[in-house]
């Protein structure tokens, strides 16, 4: 089993704010829970491989978000 350690960078988009970037994200579902609690106006986020810088996937607020891609 491969170890997941801060594999992702995430850019989060909001209703009426500028996007924000989180550079070292470990679990995507944990980030979604944090956003729901602290930044409830988020609408979606784009996930990138932090080490390679490549786009991986987009997740919207109402859909299932797994811990890892």
Protein backbone atom coordinates (compact mmCIF):
# COMPACT_ATOMS: atom_id res chain seq x y z
CA UNK A 1 0.00 0.00 0.00
CA UNK A 2 1.40 3.37 -0.95
CA UNK A 3 1.68 6.03 1.69
CA UNK A 4 -0.28 9.24 1.17
CA UNK A 5 1.46 12.19 2.73
CA UNK A 6 0.40 15.66 1.60
CA UNK A 7 0.01 14.44 -1.98
CA UNK A 8 -2.32 17.20 -3.15
CA UNK A 9 -2.51 20.91 -3.78
CA UNK A 10 -6.05 22.26 -3.94
CA UNK A 11 -7.54 25.48 -5.28
CA UNK A 12 -10.93 26.21 -3.71
CA UNK A 13 -13.52 28.41 -5.42
CA UNK A 14 -16.18 30.37 -3.53
CA UNK A 15 -19.44 32.16 -4.33
CA UNK A 16 -18.29 35.76 -3.78
CA UNK A 17 -14.60 35.53 -2.90
CA UNK A 18 -11.33 35.07 -4.67
CA UNK A 19 -10.10 31.46 -4.92
CA UNK A 20 -7.79 30.20 -2.18
CA UNK A 21 -5.01 27.64 -2.43
CA UNK A 22 -4.04 24.95 0.04
CA UNK A 23 -0.59 23.60 -0.79
CA UNK A 24 -0.18 20.51 1.44
CA UNK A 25 -3.40 18.50 1.57
CA UNK A 26 -3.38 14.98 2.95
CA UNK A 27 -7.02 13.78 2.78
CA UNK A 28 -9.52 15.34 0.41
CA UNK A 29 -12.58 14.42 2.48
CA UNK A 30 -10.93 16.05 5.52
CA UNK A 31 -10.42 19.23 3.53
CA UNK A 32 -14.09 19.16 2.48
CA UNK A 33 -15.20 18.84 6.12
CA UNK A 34 -12.90 21.75 7.08
CA UNK A 35 -14.33 23.87 4.26
CA UNK A 36 -17.91 23.06 5.28
CA UNK A 37 -17.17 24.20 8.85
CA UNK A 38 -14.92 27.22 8.28
CA UNK A 39 -15.58 28.39 4.69
CA UNK A 40 -19.16 27.36 3.98
CA UNK A 41 -19.46 29.47 0.81
CA UNK A 42 -17.17 27.16 -1.18
CA UNK A 43 -18.67 25.71 -4.37
CA UNK A 44 -15.97 23.42 -5.80
CA UNK A 45 -12.26 22.68 -5.69
CA UNK A 46 -9.66 21.52 -8.18
CA UNK A 47 -7.16 18.90 -7.06
CA UNK A 48 -3.57 18.77 -8.32
CA UNK A 49 -0.72 16.34 -7.76
CA UNK A 50 1.48 18.48 -5.53
CA UNK A 51 4.79 16.98 -6.66
CA UNK A 52 4.12 16.88 -10.42
CA UNK A 53 1.83 19.91 -10.64
CA UNK A 54 -0.71 18.15 -12.84
CA UNK A 55 -4.48 18.55 -12.61
CA UNK A 56 -6.27 15.46 -11.27
CA UNK A 57 -9.96 16.13 -10.65
CA UNK A 58 -12.67 18.62 -9.67
CA UNK A 59 -15.05 18.06 -6.75
CA UNK A 60 -18.27 19.98 -6.13
CA UNK A 61 -19.71 20.68 -2.70
CA UNK A 62 -22.68 18.28 -2.83
CA UNK A 63 -20.89 15.22 -4.25
CA UNK A 64 -19.06 12.35 -2.53
CA UNK A 65 -15.40 13.21 -1.91
CA UNK A 66 -13.07 10.29 -1.21
CA UNK A 67 -9.99 10.64 1.00
CA UNK A 68 -7.61 9.91 -1.89
CA UNK A 69 -7.77 9.83 -5.70
